[in-house]
ModelCIF file with pLDDT and N, C-alpha, C, O atoms, coordinates in Angstrom:
data_MODEL
#
_entry.id   MODEL 
#
_entity.id                         1 
_entity.type                       polymer 
_entity.pdbx_number_of_molecules   1 
#
_entity_poly.entity_id                      1 
_entity_poly.type                           'polypeptide(L)' 
_entity_poly.nstd_linkage                   no 
_entity_poly.nstd_monomer                   no 
_entity_poly.pdbx_seq_one_letter_code       PDNWTRFLVIGPRPGEGGNRDKTSVLFTVPDKPG 
_entity_poly.pdbx_seq_one_letter_code_can   PDNWTRFLVIGPRPGEGGNRDKTSVLFTVPDKPG 
_entity_poly.pdbx_strand_id                 A 
#
loop_
_entity_poly_seq.entity_id 
_entity_poly_seq.num 
_entity_poly_seq.mon_id 
_entity_poly_seq.hetero 
1 1  PRO n 
1 2  ASP n 
1 3  ASN n 
1 4  TRP n 
1 5  THR n 
1 6  ARG n 
1 7  PHE n 
1 8  LEU n 
1 9  VAL n 
1 10 ILE n 
1 11 GLY n 
1 12 PRO n 
1 13 ARG n 
1 14 PRO n 
1 15 GLY n 
1 16 GLU n 
1 17 GLY n 
1 18 GLY n 
1 19 ASN n 
1 20 ARG n 
1 21 ASP n 
1 22 LYS n 
1 23 THR n 
1 24 SER n 
1 25 VAL n 
1 26 LEU n 
1 27 PHE n 
1 28 THR n 
1 29 VAL n 
1 30 PRO n 
1 31 ASP n 
1 32 LYS n 
1 33 PRO n 
1 34 GLY n 
#
_struct_asym.id          A 
_struct_asym.entity_id   1 
#
loop_
_ma_qa_metric.id 
_ma_qa_metric.mode 
_ma_qa_metric.name 
_ma_qa_metric.software_group_id 
_ma_qa_metric.type 
1 global pLDDT . pLDDT 
2 local  pLDDT . pLDDT 
#
_ma_qa_metric_global.metric_id      1 
_ma_qa_metric_global.metric_value   88.71 
_ma_qa_metric_global.model_id       1 
_ma_qa_metric_global.ordinal_id     1 
#
loop_
_ma_qa_metric_local.label_asym_id 
_ma_qa_metric_local.label_comp_id 
_ma_qa_metric_local.label_seq_id 
_ma_qa_metric_local.metric_id 
_ma_qa_metric_local.metric_value 
_ma_qa_metric_local.model_id 
_ma_qa_metric_local.ordinal_id 
A PRO 1  2 83.00 1 1  
A ASP 2  2 84.00 1 2  
A ASN 3  2 86.00 1 3  
A TRP 4  2 91.00 1 4  
A THR 5  2 92.00 1 5  
A ARG 6  2 95.00 1 6  
A PHE 7  2 96.00 1 7  
A LEU 8  2 96.00 1 8  
A VAL 9  2 96.00 1 9  
A ILE 10 2 97.00 1 10 
A GLY 11 2 95.00 1 11 
A PRO 12 2 93.00 1 12 
A ARG 13 2 91.00 1 13 
A PRO 14 2 89.00 1 14 
A GLY 15 2 82.00 1 15 
A GLU 16 2 75.00 1 16 
A GLY 17 2 68.00 1 17 
A GLY 18 2 67.00 1 18 
A ASN 19 2 70.00 1 19 
A ARG 20 2 79.00 1 20 
A ASP 21 2 87.00 1 21 
A LYS 22 2 93.00 1 22 
A THR 23 2 95.00 1 23 
A SER 24 2 96.00 1 24 
A VAL 25 2 96.00 1 25 
A LEU 26 2 95.00 1 26 
A PHE 27 2 95.00 1 27 
A THR 28 2 93.00 1 28 
A VAL 29 2 92.00 1 29 
A PRO 30 2 90.00 1 30 
A ASP 31 2 87.00 1 31 
A LYS 32 2 90.00 1 32 
A PRO 33 2 91.00 1 33 
A GLY 34 2 91.00 1 34 
#
loop_
_atom_site.group_PDB 
_atom_site.id 
_atom_site.type_symbol 
_atom_site.label_atom_id 
_atom_site.label_alt_id 
_atom_site.label_comp_id 
_atom_site.label_asym_id 
_atom_site.label_entity_id 
_atom_site.label_seq_id 
_atom_site.pdbx_PDB_ins_code 
_atom_site.Cartn_x 
_atom_site.Cartn_y 
_atom_site.Cartn_z 
_atom_site.occupancy 
_atom_site.B_iso_or_equiv 
_atom_site.pdbx_formal_charge 
_atom_site.auth_seq_id 
_atom_site.auth_comp_id 
_atom_site.auth_asym_id 
_atom_site.auth_atom_id 
_atom_site.pdbx_PDB_model_num 
ATOM 1   N N  . PRO A 1 1  ? -25.414 -29.740 -39.067 1.00 83.00 ? 1  PRO A N  1 
ATOM 2   C CA . PRO A 1 1  ? -25.532 -30.609 -38.543 1.00 83.00 ? 1  PRO A CA 1 
ATOM 3   C C  . PRO A 1 1  ? -27.271 -30.596 -37.168 1.00 83.00 ? 1  PRO A C  1 
ATOM 4   O O  . PRO A 1 1  ? -27.530 -31.149 -36.099 1.00 83.00 ? 1  PRO A O  1 
ATOM 5   N N  . ASP A 1 2  ? -27.823 -29.850 -37.887 1.00 84.00 ? 2  ASP A N  1 
ATOM 6   C CA . ASP A 1 2  ? -29.322 -30.236 -37.000 1.00 84.00 ? 2  ASP A CA 1 
ATOM 7   C C  . ASP A 1 2  ? -29.983 -31.422 -38.387 1.00 84.00 ? 2  ASP A C  1 
ATOM 8   O O  . ASP A 1 2  ? -30.640 -31.025 -39.349 1.00 84.00 ? 2  ASP A O  1 
ATOM 9   N N  . ASN A 1 3  ? -29.669 -32.586 -38.183 1.00 86.00 ? 3  ASN A N  1 
ATOM 10  C CA . ASN A 1 3  ? -30.092 -33.431 -39.343 1.00 86.00 ? 3  ASN A CA 1 
ATOM 11  C C  . ASN A 1 3  ? -30.648 -34.600 -38.604 1.00 86.00 ? 3  ASN A C  1 
ATOM 12  O O  . ASN A 1 3  ? -30.036 -35.517 -38.057 1.00 86.00 ? 3  ASN A O  1 
ATOM 13  N N  . TRP A 1 4  ? -32.374 -34.308 -38.729 1.00 91.00 ? 4  TRP A N  1 
ATOM 14  C CA . TRP A 1 4  ? -32.704 -35.901 -38.095 1.00 91.00 ? 4  TRP A CA 1 
ATOM 15  C C  . TRP A 1 4  ? -33.690 -36.582 -39.005 1.00 91.00 ? 4  TRP A C  1 
ATOM 16  O O  . TRP A 1 4  ? -33.881 -36.006 -40.077 1.00 91.00 ? 4  TRP A O  1 
ATOM 17  N N  . THR A 1 5  ? -34.242 -37.512 -38.822 1.00 92.00 ? 5  THR A N  1 
ATOM 18  C CA . THR A 1 5  ? -35.071 -38.335 -39.587 1.00 92.00 ? 5  THR A CA 1 
ATOM 19  C C  . THR A 1 5  ? -36.242 -38.917 -38.676 1.00 92.00 ? 5  THR A C  1 
ATOM 20  O O  . THR A 1 5  ? -35.773 -39.507 -37.703 1.00 92.00 ? 5  THR A O  1 
ATOM 21  N N  . ARG A 1 6  ? -37.595 -38.916 -38.717 1.00 95.00 ? 6  ARG A N  1 
ATOM 22  C CA . ARG A 1 6  ? -38.526 -39.597 -38.314 1.00 95.00 ? 6  ARG A CA 1 
ATOM 23  C C  . ARG A 1 6  ? -38.875 -40.640 -38.652 1.00 95.00 ? 6  ARG A C  1 
ATOM 24  O O  . ARG A 1 6  ? -39.391 -40.819 -39.755 1.00 95.00 ? 6  ARG A O  1 
ATOM 25  N N  . PHE A 1 7  ? -38.660 -41.668 -37.711 1.00 96.00 ? 7  PHE A N  1 
ATOM 26  C CA . PHE A 1 7  ? -38.754 -43.375 -38.063 1.00 96.00 ? 7  PHE A CA 1 
ATOM 27  C C  . PHE A 1 7  ? -40.264 -43.659 -37.299 1.00 96.00 ? 7  PHE A C  1 
ATOM 28  O O  . PHE A 1 7  ? -40.452 -43.355 -36.121 1.00 96.00 ? 7  PHE A O  1 
ATOM 29  N N  . LEU A 1 8  ? -41.365 -44.329 -38.215 1.00 96.00 ? 8  LEU A N  1 
ATOM 30  C CA . LEU A 1 8  ? -42.233 -44.727 -37.465 1.00 96.00 ? 8  LEU A CA 1 
ATOM 31  C C  . LEU A 1 8  ? -42.183 -46.368 -37.178 1.00 96.00 ? 8  LEU A C  1 
ATOM 32  O O  . LEU A 1 8  ? -41.575 -47.111 -37.948 1.00 96.00 ? 8  LEU A O  1 
ATOM 33  N N  . VAL A 1 9  ? -42.866 -46.854 -36.022 1.00 96.00 ? 9  VAL A N  1 
ATOM 34  C CA . VAL A 1 9  ? -42.707 -47.862 -36.117 1.00 96.00 ? 9  VAL A CA 1 
ATOM 35  C C  . VAL A 1 9  ? -44.212 -48.516 -36.894 1.00 96.00 ? 9  VAL A C  1 
ATOM 36  O O  . VAL A 1 9  ? -45.106 -47.684 -36.742 1.00 96.00 ? 9  VAL A O  1 
ATOM 37  N N  . ILE A 1 10 ? -44.475 -49.174 -37.303 1.00 97.00 ? 10 ILE A N  1 
ATOM 38  C CA . ILE A 1 10 ? -45.685 -49.910 -37.874 1.00 97.00 ? 10 ILE A CA 1 
ATOM 39  C C  . ILE A 1 10 ? -46.155 -51.445 -37.483 1.00 97.00 ? 10 ILE A C  1 
ATOM 40  O O  . ILE A 1 10 ? -45.506 -52.476 -37.657 1.00 97.00 ? 10 ILE A O  1 
ATOM 41  N N  . GLY A 1 11 ? -47.514 -51.295 -36.887 1.00 95.00 ? 11 GLY A N  1 
ATOM 42  C CA . GLY A 1 11 ? -48.146 -52.879 -36.449 1.00 95.00 ? 11 GLY A CA 1 
ATOM 43  C C  . GLY A 1 11 ? -49.269 -53.195 -37.165 1.00 95.00 ? 11 GLY A C  1 
ATOM 44  O O  . GLY A 1 11 ? -49.711 -52.349 -37.942 1.00 95.00 ? 11 GLY A O  1 
ATOM 45  N N  . PRO A 1 12 ? -49.910 -54.440 -37.029 1.00 93.00 ? 12 PRO A N  1 
ATOM 46  C CA . PRO A 1 12 ? -50.517 -54.690 -37.917 1.00 93.00 ? 12 PRO A CA 1 
ATOM 47  C C  . PRO A 1 12 ? -52.551 -54.320 -37.070 1.00 93.00 ? 12 PRO A C  1 
ATOM 48  O O  . PRO A 1 12 ? -53.618 -54.834 -37.405 1.00 93.00 ? 12 PRO A O  1 
ATOM 49  N N  . ARG A 1 13 ? -52.362 -53.639 -36.361 1.00 91.00 ? 13 ARG A N  1 
ATOM 50  C CA . ARG A 1 13 ? -53.483 -53.148 -35.510 1.00 91.00 ? 13 ARG A CA 1 
ATOM 51  C C  . ARG A 1 13 ? -53.081 -52.347 -34.580 1.00 91.00 ? 13 ARG A C  1 
ATOM 52  O O  . ARG A 1 13 ? -52.037 -52.404 -33.932 1.00 91.00 ? 13 ARG A O  1 
ATOM 53  N N  . PRO A 1 14 ? -54.386 -51.193 -34.494 1.00 89.00 ? 14 PRO A N  1 
ATOM 54  C CA . PRO A 1 14 ? -54.313 -50.293 -33.439 1.00 89.00 ? 14 PRO A CA 1 
ATOM 55  C C  . PRO A 1 14 ? -53.626 -50.285 -32.547 1.00 89.00 ? 14 PRO A C  1 
ATOM 56  O O  . PRO A 1 14 ? -53.688 -51.436 -32.116 1.00 89.00 ? 14 PRO A O  1 
ATOM 57  N N  . GLY A 1 15 ? -52.666 -49.474 -31.660 1.00 82.00 ? 15 GLY A N  1 
ATOM 58  C CA . GLY A 1 15 ? -52.525 -49.399 -30.384 1.00 82.00 ? 15 GLY A CA 1 
ATOM 59  C C  . GLY A 1 15 ? -53.669 -49.359 -29.682 1.00 82.00 ? 15 GLY A C  1 
ATOM 60  O O  . GLY A 1 15 ? -54.778 -48.943 -30.019 1.00 82.00 ? 15 GLY A O  1 
ATOM 61  N N  . GLU A 1 16 ? -53.145 -50.021 -28.267 1.00 75.00 ? 16 GLU A N  1 
ATOM 62  C CA . GLU A 1 16 ? -54.123 -50.618 -27.179 1.00 75.00 ? 16 GLU A CA 1 
ATOM 63  C C  . GLU A 1 16 ? -53.698 -49.151 -25.723 1.00 75.00 ? 16 GLU A C  1 
ATOM 64  O O  . GLU A 1 16 ? -52.550 -48.900 -25.355 1.00 75.00 ? 16 GLU A O  1 
ATOM 65  N N  . GLY A 1 17 ? -54.586 -48.657 -25.347 1.00 68.00 ? 17 GLY A N  1 
ATOM 66  C CA . GLY A 1 17 ? -54.313 -48.180 -24.198 1.00 68.00 ? 17 GLY A CA 1 
ATOM 67  C C  . GLY A 1 17 ? -53.087 -47.222 -23.578 1.00 68.00 ? 17 GLY A C  1 
ATOM 68  O O  . GLY A 1 17 ? -52.004 -47.276 -24.161 1.00 68.00 ? 17 GLY A O  1 
ATOM 69  N N  . GLY A 1 18 ? -53.199 -46.500 -22.618 1.00 67.00 ? 18 GLY A N  1 
ATOM 70  C CA . GLY A 1 18 ? -52.343 -45.417 -22.585 1.00 67.00 ? 18 GLY A CA 1 
ATOM 71  C C  . GLY A 1 18 ? -52.332 -44.151 -22.957 1.00 67.00 ? 18 GLY A C  1 
ATOM 72  O O  . GLY A 1 18 ? -53.233 -43.687 -23.656 1.00 67.00 ? 18 GLY A O  1 
ATOM 73  N N  . ASN A 1 19 ? -51.419 -43.518 -22.577 1.00 70.00 ? 19 ASN A N  1 
ATOM 74  C CA . ASN A 1 19 ? -51.508 -41.954 -22.924 1.00 70.00 ? 19 ASN A CA 1 
ATOM 75  C C  . ASN A 1 19 ? -50.888 -41.607 -24.327 1.00 70.00 ? 19 ASN A C  1 
ATOM 76  O O  . ASN A 1 19 ? -49.689 -41.329 -24.287 1.00 70.00 ? 19 ASN A O  1 
ATOM 77  N N  . ARG A 1 20 ? -51.334 -41.582 -25.237 1.00 79.00 ? 20 ARG A N  1 
ATOM 78  C CA . ARG A 1 20 ? -51.112 -41.376 -26.407 1.00 79.00 ? 20 ARG A CA 1 
ATOM 79  C C  . ARG A 1 20 ? -51.710 -39.438 -26.860 1.00 79.00 ? 20 ARG A C  1 
ATOM 80  O O  . ARG A 1 20 ? -52.741 -38.797 -26.659 1.00 79.00 ? 20 ARG A O  1 
ATOM 81  N N  . ASP A 1 21 ? -50.019 -39.075 -27.703 1.00 87.00 ? 21 ASP A N  1 
ATOM 82  C CA . ASP A 1 21 ? -50.170 -37.702 -27.769 1.00 87.00 ? 21 ASP A CA 1 
ATOM 83  C C  . ASP A 1 21 ? -50.801 -37.262 -29.035 1.00 87.00 ? 21 ASP A C  1 
ATOM 84  O O  . ASP A 1 21 ? -51.503 -36.255 -29.129 1.00 87.00 ? 21 ASP A O  1 
ATOM 85  N N  . LYS A 1 22 ? -50.478 -38.164 -30.116 1.00 93.00 ? 22 LYS A N  1 
ATOM 86  C CA . LYS A 1 22 ? -50.448 -37.844 -30.929 1.00 93.00 ? 22 LYS A CA 1 
ATOM 87  C C  . LYS A 1 22 ? -50.991 -38.669 -32.289 1.00 93.00 ? 22 LYS A C  1 
ATOM 88  O O  . LYS A 1 22 ? -50.675 -39.856 -32.205 1.00 93.00 ? 22 LYS A O  1 
ATOM 89  N N  . THR A 1 23 ? -51.756 -38.335 -33.571 1.00 95.00 ? 23 THR A N  1 
ATOM 90  C CA . THR A 1 23 ? -52.528 -39.120 -33.961 1.00 95.00 ? 23 THR A CA 1 
ATOM 91  C C  . THR A 1 23 ? -52.349 -38.523 -35.189 1.00 95.00 ? 23 THR A C  1 
ATOM 92  O O  . THR A 1 23 ? -52.293 -37.319 -35.440 1.00 95.00 ? 23 THR A O  1 
ATOM 93  N N  . SER A 1 24 ? -52.215 -40.009 -36.365 1.00 96.00 ? 24 SER A N  1 
ATOM 94  C CA . SER A 1 24 ? -52.027 -39.603 -37.670 1.00 96.00 ? 24 SER A CA 1 
ATOM 95  C C  . SER A 1 24 ? -53.306 -40.302 -38.854 1.00 96.00 ? 24 SER A C  1 
ATOM 96  O O  . SER A 1 24 ? -53.968 -41.339 -38.874 1.00 96.00 ? 24 SER A O  1 
ATOM 97  N N  . VAL A 1 25 ? -53.203 -39.272 -39.614 1.00 96.00 ? 25 VAL A N  1 
ATOM 98  C CA . VAL A 1 25 ? -54.876 -39.971 -39.894 1.00 96.00 ? 25 VAL A CA 1 
ATOM 99  C C  . VAL A 1 25 ? -54.629 -39.591 -41.799 1.00 96.00 ? 25 VAL A C  1 
ATOM 100 O O  . VAL A 1 25 ? -54.158 -38.478 -42.031 1.00 96.00 ? 25 VAL A O  1 
ATOM 101 N N  . LEU A 1 26 ? -54.893 -40.344 -42.818 1.00 95.00 ? 26 LEU A N  1 
ATOM 102 C CA . LEU A 1 26 ? -55.151 -40.055 -44.272 1.00 95.00 ? 26 LEU A CA 1 
ATOM 103 C C  . LEU A 1 26 ? -56.748 -39.840 -44.773 1.00 95.00 ? 26 LEU A C  1 
ATOM 104 O O  . LEU A 1 26 ? -57.509 -40.757 -44.465 1.00 95.00 ? 26 LEU A O  1 
ATOM 105 N N  . PHE A 1 27 ? -57.294 -38.752 -45.489 1.00 95.00 ? 27 PHE A N  1 
ATOM 106 C CA . PHE A 1 27 ? -57.822 -38.118 -45.772 1.00 95.00 ? 27 PHE A CA 1 
ATOM 107 C C  . PHE A 1 27 ? -58.021 -37.609 -47.413 1.00 95.00 ? 27 PHE A C  1 
ATOM 108 O O  . PHE A 1 27 ? -57.064 -37.052 -47.950 1.00 95.00 ? 27 PHE A O  1 
ATOM 109 N N  . THR A 1 28 ? -59.243 -37.812 -48.154 1.00 93.00 ? 28 THR A N  1 
ATOM 110 C CA . THR A 1 28 ? -59.491 -37.097 -49.065 1.00 93.00 ? 28 THR A CA 1 
ATOM 111 C C  . THR A 1 28 ? -60.494 -36.117 -49.125 1.00 93.00 ? 28 THR A C  1 
ATOM 112 O O  . THR A 1 28 ? -60.831 -35.863 -47.969 1.00 93.00 ? 28 THR A O  1 
ATOM 113 N N  . VAL A 1 29 ? -61.154 -35.420 -49.971 1.00 92.00 ? 29 VAL A N  1 
ATOM 114 C CA . VAL A 1 29 ? -61.788 -34.350 -49.673 1.00 92.00 ? 29 VAL A CA 1 
ATOM 115 C C  . VAL A 1 29 ? -62.555 -33.868 -51.369 1.00 92.00 ? 29 VAL A C  1 
ATOM 116 O O  . VAL A 1 29 ? -62.008 -33.502 -52.409 1.00 92.00 ? 29 VAL A O  1 
ATOM 117 N N  . PRO A 1 30 ? -63.839 -34.053 -51.060 1.00 90.00 ? 30 PRO A N  1 
ATOM 118 C CA . PRO A 1 30 ? -64.929 -33.941 -52.463 1.00 90.00 ? 30 PRO A CA 1 
ATOM 119 C C  . PRO A 1 30 ? -64.098 -32.861 -53.201 1.00 90.00 ? 30 PRO A C  1 
ATOM 120 O O  . PRO A 1 30 ? -63.481 -31.864 -52.824 1.00 90.00 ? 30 PRO A O  1 
ATOM 121 N N  . ASP A 1 31 ? -64.348 -33.512 -54.528 1.00 87.00 ? 31 ASP A N  1 
ATOM 122 C CA . ASP A 1 31 ? -64.092 -32.556 -55.165 1.00 87.00 ? 31 ASP A CA 1 
ATOM 123 C C  . ASP A 1 31 ? -64.899 -30.986 -55.814 1.00 87.00 ? 31 ASP A C  1 
ATOM 124 O O  . ASP A 1 31 ? -65.424 -30.775 -56.907 1.00 87.00 ? 31 ASP A O  1 
ATOM 125 N N  . LYS A 1 32 ? -64.745 -30.250 -54.835 1.00 90.00 ? 32 LYS A N  1 
ATOM 126 C CA . LYS A 1 32 ? -65.892 -28.486 -54.269 1.00 90.00 ? 32 LYS A CA 1 
ATOM 127 C C  . LYS A 1 32 ? -65.268 -27.628 -53.820 1.00 90.00 ? 32 LYS A C  1 
ATOM 128 O O  . LYS A 1 32 ? -64.609 -27.999 -52.848 1.00 90.00 ? 32 LYS A O  1 
ATOM 129 N N  . PRO A 1 33 ? -65.117 -26.241 -54.171 1.00 91.00 ? 33 PRO A N  1 
ATOM 130 C CA . PRO A 1 33 ? -64.463 -25.244 -53.570 1.00 91.00 ? 33 PRO A CA 1 
ATOM 131 C C  . PRO A 1 33 ? -64.897 -25.450 -52.307 1.00 91.00 ? 33 PRO A C  1 
ATOM 132 O O  . PRO A 1 33 ? -65.952 -25.879 -51.839 1.00 91.00 ? 33 PRO A O  1 
ATOM 133 N N  . GLY A 1 34 ? -63.426 -24.890 -51.640 1.00 91.00 ? 34 GLY A N  1 
ATOM 134 C CA . GLY A 1 34 ? -63.848 -24.743 -49.947 1.00 91.00 ? 34 GLY A CA 1 
ATOM 135 C C  . GLY A 1 34 ? -63.592 -26.116 -49.228 1.00 91.00 ? 34 GLY A C  1 
ATOM 136 O O  . GLY A 1 34 ? -63.824 -26.235 -48.025 1.00 91.00 ? 34 GLY A O  1 
#
């Protein structure tokens, strides 16, 4: 019964202004230990 889906609303530019609680990022790392 506790089945939830998280949806995102996407746009062509970053949102502006206001109180924002979260940030999502994509990153890759160099091919080296640690």
